[in-house]
């Protein structure tokens, strides 16, 4: 009797066939769920991107090379830096060991004062954000949908989800009351972005420790428009934007 006719082979074949069918079912379900997630995102993106506020912020994001989230003295601010203003500059990047762990150190040269704050506020380049809303951007869509996304063409939804999770982790961390935090977005070009996740040290208001990471958003057509990194970053900003009537204090008073 050949091996192909043995009971062991028949049992093995049934098991393998069953696993293949199970895997195909998982992939098909995941693919459909991923499609629903993508459709919901694109509908929401369309609604958000058609607002005047989105267009206003987008034009400023396109115009700048640096923007930053800033948490200081209870205020949570996002600032789209005017290229004509020398508001903030990252310099003197260093690395050193502390307790066997590599630490990155940065010196931030900034010109943040009442005058520059007021000018940015009046030109709608500065607004407050609600850090708790990052977790509501593309909520965790489950394992099956994640599997399905692996079989979808490269979609910016995955990068937006990763960026929102990163901002949520950094900007919702517990910190001492007077410890300033910054997440700086630099080199916003066609599809790449450099992100500095920083906390001020106790040595100086200009010295920060943190890490650098990079994200890439491939251009993608949504609703008949080819969207690039500036569109996706602006979408995230709009989802955490805090209306003026939601706050009880002036930005200048906190900074």
C-alpha atoms as a PDB file:
ATOM      1  CA  UNK A   1       0.000   0.000   0.000  1.00  0.00           C
ATOM      2  CA  UNK A   2       1.396   3.389  -1.000  1.00  0.00           C
ATOM      3  CA  UNK A   3       1.653   6.241   1.492  1.00  0.00           C
ATOM      4  CA  UNK A   4      -1.082   8.160  -0.359  1.00  0.00           C
ATOM      5  CA  UNK A   5      -3.566   5.410   0.465  1.00  0.00           C
ATOM      6  CA  UNK A   6      -2.746   5.166   4.163  1.00  0.00           C
ATOM      7  CA  UNK A   7      -5.079   6.310   6.934  1.00  0.00           C
ATOM      8  CA  UNK A   8      -2.408   8.696   8.270  1.00  0.00           C
ATOM      9  CA  UNK A   9      -2.234  10.559   4.953  1.00  0.00           C
ATOM     10  CA  UNK A  10      -6.016  10.823   4.687  1.00  0.00           C
ATOM     11  CA  UNK A  11      -6.279  12.232   8.217  1.00  0.00           C
ATOM     12  CA  UNK A  12      -3.426  14.670   7.548  1.00  0.00           C
ATOM     13  CA  UNK A  13      -5.047  15.787   4.296  1.00  0.00           C
ATOM     14  CA  UNK A  14      -8.374  16.434   6.029  1.00  0.00           C
ATOM     15  CA  UNK A  15      -6.641  18.427   8.789  1.00  0.00           C
ATOM     16  CA  UNK A  16      -4.635  20.520   6.303  1.00  0.00           C
ATOM     17  CA  UNK A  17      -7.711  21.138   4.153  1.00  0.00           C
ATOM     18  CA  UNK A  18      -9.661  22.171   7.248  1.00  0.00           C
ATOM     19  CA  UNK A  19      -6.933  24.619   8.271  1.00  0.00           C
ATOM     20  CA  UNK A  20      -6.823  26.101   4.763  1.00  0.00           C
ATOM     21  CA  UNK A  21     -10.603  26.575   4.723  1.00  0.00           C
ATOM     22  CA  UNK A  22     -10.497  28.116   8.218  1.00  0.00           C
ATOM     23  CA  UNK A  23      -7.713  30.502   7.159  1.00  0.00           C
ATOM     24  CA  UNK A  24      -9.640  31.503   4.029  1.00  0.00           C
ATOM     25  CA  UNK A  25     -12.761  32.208   6.094  1.00  0.00           C
ATOM     26  CA  UNK A  26     -10.733  34.382   8.487  1.00  0.00           C
ATOM     27  CA  UNK A  27      -9.156  36.268   5.571  1.00  0.00           C
ATOM     28  CA  UNK A  28     -12.508  36.826   3.835  1.00  0.00           C
ATOM     29  CA  UNK A  29     -14.193  38.046   7.035  1.00  0.00           C
ATOM     30  CA  UNK A  30     -11.206  40.259   7.841  1.00  0.00           C
ATOM     31  CA  UNK A  31     -11.148  41.627   4.295  1.00  0.00           C
ATOM     32  CA  UNK A  32     -14.833  42.577   4.523  1.00  0.00           C
ATOM     33  CA  UNK A  33     -14.392  44.147   7.982  1.00  0.00           C
ATOM     34  CA  UNK A  34     -11.381  46.097   6.733  1.00  0.00           C
ATOM     35  CA  UNK A  35     -13.509  47.340   3.849  1.00  0.00           C
ATOM     36  CA  UNK A  36     -16.118  48.629   6.285  1.00  0.00           C
ATOM     37  CA  UNK A  37     -13.433  50.374   8.363  1.00  0.00           C
ATOM     38  CA  UNK A  38     -11.970  51.991   5.237  1.00  0.00           C
ATOM     39  CA  UNK A  39     -15.375  53.128   3.972  1.00  0.00           C
ATOM     40  CA  UNK A  40     -16.270  54.643   7.355  1.00  0.00           C
ATOM     41  CA  UNK A  41     -12.921  56.438   7.499  1.00  0.00           C
ATOM     42  CA  UNK A  42     -13.212  57.814   3.966  1.00  0.00           C
ATOM     43  CA  UNK A  43     -16.758  59.062   4.635  1.00  0.00           C
ATOM     44  CA  UNK A  44     -15.555  60.810   7.792  1.00  0.00           C
ATOM     45  CA  UNK A  45     -12.478  62.182   6.026  1.00  0.00           C
ATOM     46  CA  UNK A  46     -14.719  63.617   3.298  1.00  0.00           C
ATOM     47  CA  UNK A  47     -16.981  65.319   5.844  1.00  0.00           C
ATOM     48  CA  UNK A  48     -14.060  66.749   7.833  1.00  0.00           C
ATOM     49  CA  UNK A  49     -12.059  67.876   4.797  1.00  0.00           C
ATOM     50  CA  UNK A  50     -14.989  69.848   3.360  1.00  0.00           C
ATOM     51  CA  UNK A  51     -15.121  72.250   6.319  1.00  0.00           C
ATOM     52  CA  UNK A  52     -13.683  75.766   6.126  1.00  0.00           C
ATOM     53  CA  UNK A  53     -11.626  75.162   9.262  1.00  0.00           C
ATOM     54  CA  UNK A  54      -9.947  72.106   7.710  1.00  0.00           C
ATOM     55  CA  UNK A  55      -9.076  74.079   4.571  1.00  0.00           C
ATOM     56  CA  UNK A  56      -7.718  76.942   6.653  1.00  0.00           C
ATOM     57  CA  UNK A  57      -5.501  74.687   8.774  1.00  0.00           C
ATOM     58  CA  UNK A  58      -4.438  72.670   5.720  1.00  0.00           C
ATOM     59  CA  UNK A  59      -3.221  75.789   3.905  1.00  0.00           C
ATOM     60  CA  UNK A  60      -1.065  76.652   6.922  1.00  0.00           C
ATOM     61  CA  UNK A  61       0.287  73.097   7.317  1.00  0.00           C
ATOM     62  CA  UNK A  62       1.280  73.134   3.634  1.00  0.00           C
ATOM     63  CA  UNK A  63       3.013  76.474   4.158  1.00  0.00           C
ATOM     64  CA  UNK A  64       5.145  75.428   7.147  1.00  0.00           C
ATOM     65  CA  UNK A  65       8.083  73.136   7.824  1.00  0.00           C
ATOM     66  CA  UNK A  66       7.468  72.762  11.560  1.00  0.00           C
ATOM     67  CA  UNK A  67       4.504  72.533  13.926  1.00  0.00           C
ATOM     68  CA  UNK A  68       4.179  71.246  17.458  1.00  0.00           C
ATOM     69  CA  UNK A  69       1.939  70.036  20.245  1.00  0.00           C
ATOM     70  CA  UNK A  70       2.815  71.811  23.488  1.00  0.00           C
ATOM     71  CA  UNK A  71       1.644  71.048  27.014  1.00  0.00           C
ATOM     72  CA  UNK A  72       2.608  73.608  29.644  1.00  0.00           C
ATOM     73  CA  UNK A  73       0.968  74.720  32.898  1.00  0.00           C
ATOM     74  CA  UNK A  74      -2.257  72.921  32.080  1.00  0.00           C
ATOM     75  CA  UNK A  75      -2.623  74.405  28.590  1.00  0.00           C
ATOM     76  CA  UNK A  76      -2.609  71.986  25.635  1.00  0.00           C
ATOM     77  CA  UNK A  77      -1.751  73.823  22.455  1.00  0.00           C
ATOM     78  CA  UNK A  78      -1.008  73.025  18.820  1.00  0.00           C
ATOM     79  CA  UNK A  79       1.015  75.636  16.959  1.00  0.00           C
ATOM     80  CA  UNK A  80       1.467  75.761  13.180  1.00  0.00           C
ATOM     81  CA  UNK A  81       4.601  77.884  12.909  1.00  0.00           C
ATOM     82  CA  UNK A  82       4.595  80.755  10.430  1.00  0.00           C
ATOM     83  CA  UNK A  83       7.743  80.387   8.259  1.00  0.00           C
ATOM     84  CA  UNK A  84       8.425  84.100   8.762  1.00  0.00           C
ATOM     85  CA  UNK A  85       8.573  83.656  12.539  1.00  0.00           C
ATOM     86  CA  UNK A  86      11.621  82.121  14.173  1.00  0.00           C
ATOM     87  CA  UNK A  87       9.487  80.590  16.938  1.00  0.00           C
ATOM     88  CA  UNK A  88      11.241  77.277  17.502  1.00  0.00           C
ATOM     89  CA  UNK A  89      14.377  75.491  16.345  1.00  0.00           C
ATOM     90  CA  UNK A  90      15.855  72.132  17.343  1.00  0.00           C
ATOM     91  CA  UNK A  91      19.636  72.118  17.755  1.00  0.00           C
ATOM     92  CA  UNK A  92      22.497  70.432  19.621  1.00  0.00           C
ATOM     93  CA  UNK A  93      21.147  66.891  19.452  1.00  0.00           C
ATOM     94  CA  UNK A  94      23.185  64.624  21.755  1.00  0.00           C
ATOM     95  CA  UNK A  95      23.138  61.100  23.166  1.00  0.00           C
ATOM     96  CA  UNK A  96      24.405  59.846  26.512  1.00  0.00           C
ATOM     97  CA  UNK A  97      24.012  56.858  28.824  1.00  0.00           C
ATOM     98  CA  UNK A  98      22.004  56.949  32.051  1.00  0.00           C
ATOM     99  CA  UNK A  99      21.862  53.746  34.094  1.00  0.00           C
ATOM    100  CA  UNK A 100      22.898  51.819  31.008  1.00  0.00           C
ATOM    101  CA  UNK A 101      20.100  53.315  28.897  1.00  0.00           C
ATOM    102  CA  UNK A 102      20.761  55.525  25.885  1.00  0.00           C
ATOM    103  CA  UNK A 103      19.150  58.960  26.344  1.00  0.00           C
ATOM    104  CA  UNK A 104      18.682  61.531  23.590  1.00  0.00           C
ATOM    105  CA  UNK A 105      19.080  65.166  24.584  1.00  0.00           C
ATOM    106  CA  UNK A 106      17.953  68.192  22.593  1.00  0.00           C
ATOM    107  CA  UNK A 107      18.330  71.910  22.982  1.00  0.00           C
ATOM    108  CA  UNK A 108      15.287  73.845  21.798  1.00  0.00           C
ATOM    109  CA  UNK A 109      15.884  77.443  20.825  1.00  0.00           C
ATOM    110  CA  UNK A 110      12.521  79.199  20.976  1.00  0.00           C
ATOM    111  CA  UNK A 111      10.986  82.634  20.793  1.00  0.00           C
ATOM    112  CA  UNK A 112       7.693  81.943  22.563  1.00  0.00           C
ATOM    113  CA  UNK A 113       6.345  85.034  24.267  1.00  0.00           C
ATOM    114  CA  UNK A 114       3.166  87.074  24.564  1.00  0.00           C
ATOM    115  CA  UNK A 115       3.787  88.797  21.236  1.00  0.00           C
ATOM    116  CA  UNK A 116       4.369  85.640  19.172  1.00  0.00           C
ATOM    117  CA  UNK A 117       1.536  83.833  20.953  1.00  0.00           C
ATOM    118  CA  UNK A 118      -0.850  86.686  20.229  1.00  0.00           C
ATOM    119  CA  UNK A 119       0.191  86.917  16.573  1.00  0.00           C
ATOM    120  CA  UNK A 120      -0.218  83.162  16.057  1.00  0.00           C
ATOM    121  CA  UNK A 121      -3.571  83.173  17.835  1.00  0.00           C
ATOM    122  CA  UNK A 122      -4.933  86.019  15.691  1.00  0.00           C
ATOM    123  CA  UNK A 123      -3.791  84.328  12.470  1.00  0.00           C
ATOM    124  CA  UNK A 124      -5.455  81.025  13.502  1.00  0.00           C
ATOM    125  CA  UNK A 125      -2.116  79.193  13.607  1.00  0.00           C
ATOM    126  CA  UNK A 126      -2.515  78.311  17.270  1.00  0.00           C
ATOM    127  CA  UNK A 127      -5.352  76.465  18.986  1.00  0.00           C
ATOM    128  CA  UNK A 128      -6.049  74.220  21.948  1.00  0.00           C
ATOM    129  CA  UNK A 129      -6.459  70.474  21.551  1.00  0.00           C
ATOM    130  CA  UNK A 130      -8.127  67.778  23.629  1.00  0.00           C
ATOM    131  CA  UNK A 131      -5.579  64.977  24.147  1.00  0.00           C
ATOM    132  CA  UNK A 132      -8.303  62.530  25.219  1.00  0.00           C
ATOM    133  CA  UNK A 133      -9.674  62.541  21.658  1.00  0.00           C
ATOM    134  CA  UNK A 134      -6.625  60.893  20.087  1.00  0.00           C
ATOM    135  CA  UNK A 135      -7.851  57.503  21.297  1.00  0.00           C
ATOM    136  CA  UNK A 136     -11.174  58.105  19.516  1.00  0.00           C
ATOM    137  CA  UNK A 137      -9.534  58.522  16.115  1.00  0.00           C
ATOM    138  CA  UNK A 138      -9.945  55.206  14.330  1.00  0.00           C
ATOM    139  CA  UNK A 139     -10.701  53.238  17.469  1.00  0.00           C
ATOM    140  CA  UNK A 140      -9.060  49.846  17.785  1.00  0.00           C
ATOM    141  CA  UNK A 141     -10.744  48.018  14.940  1.00  0.00           C
ATOM    142  CA  UNK A 142      -9.984  44.474  16.049  1.00  0.00           C
ATOM    143  CA  UNK A 143      -7.757  41.612  15.006  1.00  0.00           C
ATOM    144  CA  UNK A 144      -9.842  40.409  12.053  1.00  0.00           C
ATOM    145  CA  UNK A 145      -9.959  43.881  10.497  1.00  0.00           C
ATOM    146  CA  UNK A 146      -6.185  44.210  10.984  1.00  0.00           C
ATOM    147  CA  UNK A 147      -5.709  40.885   9.180  1.00  0.00           C
ATOM    148  CA  UNK A 148      -7.968  42.122   6.393  1.00  0.00           C
ATOM    149  CA  UNK A 149      -5.973  45.340   6.040  1.00  0.00           C
ATOM    150  CA  UNK A 150      -2.886  43.257   5.303  1.00  0.00           C
ATOM    151  CA  UNK A 151      -4.587  42.126   2.094  1.00  0.00           C
ATOM    152  CA  UNK A 152      -5.755  45.608   1.118  1.00  0.00           C
ATOM    153  CA  UNK A 153      -3.654  47.967  -0.966  1.00  0.00           C
ATOM    154  CA  UNK A 154      -1.515  50.354   1.031  1.00  0.00           C
ATOM    155  CA  UNK A 155      -4.015  52.677   2.709  1.00  0.00           C
ATOM    156  CA  UNK A 156      -3.190  55.775   4.827  1.00  0.00           C
ATOM    157  CA  UNK A 157      -5.654  54.591   7.463  1.00  0.00           C
ATOM    158  CA  UNK A 158      -2.899  52.422   8.944  1.00  0.00           C
ATOM    159  CA  UNK A 159      -0.432  55.328   9.230  1.00  0.00           C
ATOM    160  CA  UNK A 160      -3.116  57.643  10.644  1.00  0.00           C
ATOM    161  CA  UNK A 161      -3.964  55.016  13.253  1.00  0.00           C
ATOM    162  CA  UNK A 162      -0.262  54.637  14.147  1.00  0.00           C
ATOM    163  CA  UNK A 163       0.243  58.418  14.413  1.00  0.00           C
ATOM    164  CA  UNK A 164      -2.870  58.888  16.564  1.00  0.00           C
ATOM    165  CA  UNK A 165      -1.727  56.107  18.916  1.00  0.00           C
ATOM    166  CA  UNK A 166       1.719  57.710  19.190  1.00  0.00           C
ATOM    167  CA  UNK A 167       0.293  61.155  19.980  1.00  0.00           C
ATOM    168  CA  UNK A 168      -2.135  59.616  22.469  1.00  0.00           C
ATOM    169  CA  UNK A 169       0.680  57.792  24.260  1.00  0.00           C
ATOM    170  CA  UNK A 170       2.977  60.826  24.424  1.00  0.00           C
ATOM    171  CA  UNK A 171       0.471  63.575  25.197  1.00  0.00           C
ATOM    172  CA  UNK A 172      -1.580  61.687  27.776  1.00  0.00           C
ATOM    173  CA  UNK A 173       1.374  60.515  29.875  1.00  0.00           C
ATOM    174  CA  UNK A 174       1.343  61.507  33.520  1.00  0.00           C
ATOM    175  CA  UNK A 175       3.809  64.282  34.235  1.00  0.00           C
ATOM    176  CA  UNK A 176       4.714  66.719  36.955  1.00  0.00           C
ATOM    177  CA  UNK A 177       2.530  69.839  36.929  1.00  0.00           C
ATOM    178  CA  UNK A 178       5.285  72.152  35.718  1.00  0.00           C
ATOM    179  CA  UNK A 179       7.022  69.756  33.318  1.00  0.00           C
ATOM    180  CA  UNK A 180       6.531  70.993  29.757  1.00  0.00           C
ATOM    181  CA  UNK A 181       6.099  68.451  26.980  1.00  0.00           C
ATOM    182  CA  UNK A 182       6.398  68.869  23.234  1.00  0.00           C
ATOM    183  CA  UNK A 183       5.717  66.682  20.238  1.00  0.00           C
ATOM    184  CA  UNK A 184       7.326  68.469  17.316  1.00  0.00           C
ATOM    185  CA  UNK A 185       6.470  67.687  13.692  1.00  0.00           C
ATOM    186  CA  UNK A 186       9.344  68.654  11.425  1.00  0.00           C
ATOM    187  CA  UNK A 187      10.229  68.326   7.738  1.00  0.00           C
ATOM    188  CA  UNK A 188       6.638  67.971   6.559  1.00  0.00           C
ATOM    189  CA  UNK A 189       7.217  67.190   2.899  1.00  0.00           C
ATOM    190  CA  UNK A 190       5.245  65.251   0.303  1.00  0.00           C
ATOM    191  CA  UNK A 191       5.059  62.030   2.305  1.00  0.00           C
ATOM    192  CA  UNK A 192       7.585  62.006   5.186  1.00  0.00           C
ATOM    193  CA  UNK A 193       7.576  63.521   8.651  1.00  0.00           C
ATOM    194  CA  UNK A 194      10.078  63.637  11.525  1.00  0.00           C
ATOM    195  CA  UNK A 195       8.538  63.518  15.006  1.00  0.00           C
ATOM    196  CA  UNK A 196      10.352  64.584  18.188  1.00  0.00           C
ATOM    197  CA  UNK A 197       8.769  63.380  21.443  1.00  0.00           C
ATOM    198  CA  UNK A 198      10.243  65.615  24.145  1.00  0.00           C
ATOM    199  CA  UNK A 199      10.036  66.454  27.849  1.00  0.00           C
ATOM    200  CA  UNK A 200      11.743  69.420  29.431  1.00  0.00           C
ATOM    201  CA  UNK A 201      14.539  68.609  31.870  1.00  0.00           C
ATOM    202  CA  UNK A 202      14.956  70.329  35.228  1.00  0.00           C
ATOM    203  CA  UNK A 203      18.221  71.957  34.124  1.00  0.00           C
ATOM    204  CA  UNK A 204      16.900  74.613  31.748  1.00  0.00           C
ATOM    205  CA  UNK A 205      13.779  75.722  29.920  1.00  0.00           C
ATOM    206  CA  UNK A 206      15.692  75.088  26.683  1.00  0.00           C
ATOM    207  CA  UNK A 207      16.848  71.513  27.439  1.00  0.00           C
ATOM    208  CA  UNK A 208      14.678  68.507  26.588  1.00  0.00           C
ATOM    209  CA  UNK A 209      15.029  64.736  26.597  1.00  0.00           C
ATOM    210  CA  UNK A 210      13.155  62.367  24.358  1.00  0.00           C
ATOM    211  CA  UNK A 211      13.205  60.374  21.161  1.00  0.00           C
ATOM    212  CA  UNK A 212      12.929  60.809  17.413  1.00  0.00           C
ATOM    213  CA  UNK A 213      10.754  58.741  15.119  1.00  0.00           C
ATOM    214  CA  UNK A 214       9.739  58.905  11.478  1.00  0.00           C
ATOM    215  CA  UNK A 215       6.492  58.262   9.635  1.00  0.00           C
ATOM    216  CA  UNK A 216       5.781  57.879   5.940  1.00  0.00           C
ATOM    217  CA  UNK A 217       2.372  58.505   4.397  1.00  0.00           C
ATOM    218  CA  UNK A 218       2.127  57.418   0.781  1.00  0.00           C
ATOM    219  CA  UNK A 219      -0.052  59.658  -1.430  1.00  0.00           C
ATOM    220  CA  UNK A 220      -3.514  58.151  -1.753  1.00  0.00           C
ATOM    221  CA  UNK A 221      -6.655  59.068  -3.659  1.00  0.00           C
ATOM    222  CA  UNK A 222      -9.716  59.631  -1.465  1.00  0.00           C
ATOM    223  CA  UNK A 223     -12.978  60.947  -2.905  1.00  0.00           C
ATOM    224  CA  UNK A 224     -11.414  61.971  -6.234  1.00  0.00           C
ATOM    225  CA  UNK A 225      -8.556  63.862  -4.564  1.00  0.00           C
ATOM    226  CA  UNK A 226      -4.959  62.711  -4.207  1.00  0.00           C
ATOM    227  CA  UNK A 227      -4.182  63.289  -0.524  1.00  0.00           C
ATOM    228  CA  UNK A 228      -0.686  63.644   0.916  1.00  0.00           C
ATOM    229  CA  UNK A 229       0.816  63.903   4.383  1.00  0.00           C
ATOM    230  CA  UNK A 230      -0.451  67.462   4.977  1.00  0.00           C
ATOM    231  CA  UNK A 231      -4.045  66.277   4.443  1.00  0.00           C
ATOM    232  CA  UNK A 232      -3.672  63.386   6.880  1.00  0.00           C
ATOM    233  CA  UNK A 233      -1.961  65.443   9.603  1.00  0.00           C
ATOM    234  CA  UNK A 234      -4.674  68.102   9.275  1.00  0.00           C
ATOM    235  CA  UNK A 235      -7.345  65.407   9.606  1.00  0.00           C
ATOM    236  CA  UNK A 236      -5.813  64.273  12.914  1.00  0.00           C
ATOM    237  CA  UNK A 237      -5.664  67.876  14.130  1.00  0.00           C
ATOM    238  CA  UNK A 238      -9.317  68.468  13.299  1.00  0.00           C
ATOM    239  CA  UNK A 239     -10.336  65.400  15.302  1.00  0.00           C
ATOM    240  CA  UNK A 240      -8.696  66.759  18.469  1.00  0.00           C
ATOM    241  CA  UNK A 241      -9.433  70.465  17.905  1.00  0.00           C
ATOM    242  CA  UNK A 242     -10.912  72.164  20.953  1.00  0.00           C
ATOM    243  CA  UNK A 243     -13.415  74.943  20.289  1.00  0.00           C
ATOM    244  CA  UNK A 244     -12.868  78.233  22.076  1.00  0.00           C
ATOM    245  CA  UNK A 245     -16.171  77.826  23.918  1.00  0.00           C
ATOM    246  CA  UNK A 246     -14.849  74.578  25.437  1.00  0.00           C
ATOM    247  CA  UNK A 247     -12.123  76.330  27.420  1.00  0.00           C
ATOM    248  CA  UNK A 248     -12.346  78.648  30.388  1.00  0.00           C
ATOM    249  CA  UNK A 249      -8.984  80.432  30.063  1.00  0.00           C
ATOM    250  CA  UNK A 250      -6.899  82.364  27.554  1.00  0.00           C
ATOM    251  CA  UNK A 251      -3.825  80.747  26.063  1.00  0.00           C
ATOM    252  CA  UNK A 252      -1.626  83.750  26.878  1.00  0.00           C
ATOM    253  CA  UNK A 253      -2.597  83.521  30.550  1.00  0.00           C
ATOM    254  CA  UNK A 254      -1.297  79.954  30.757  1.00  0.00           C
ATOM    255  CA  UNK A 255       1.931  80.479  28.850  1.00  0.00           C
END
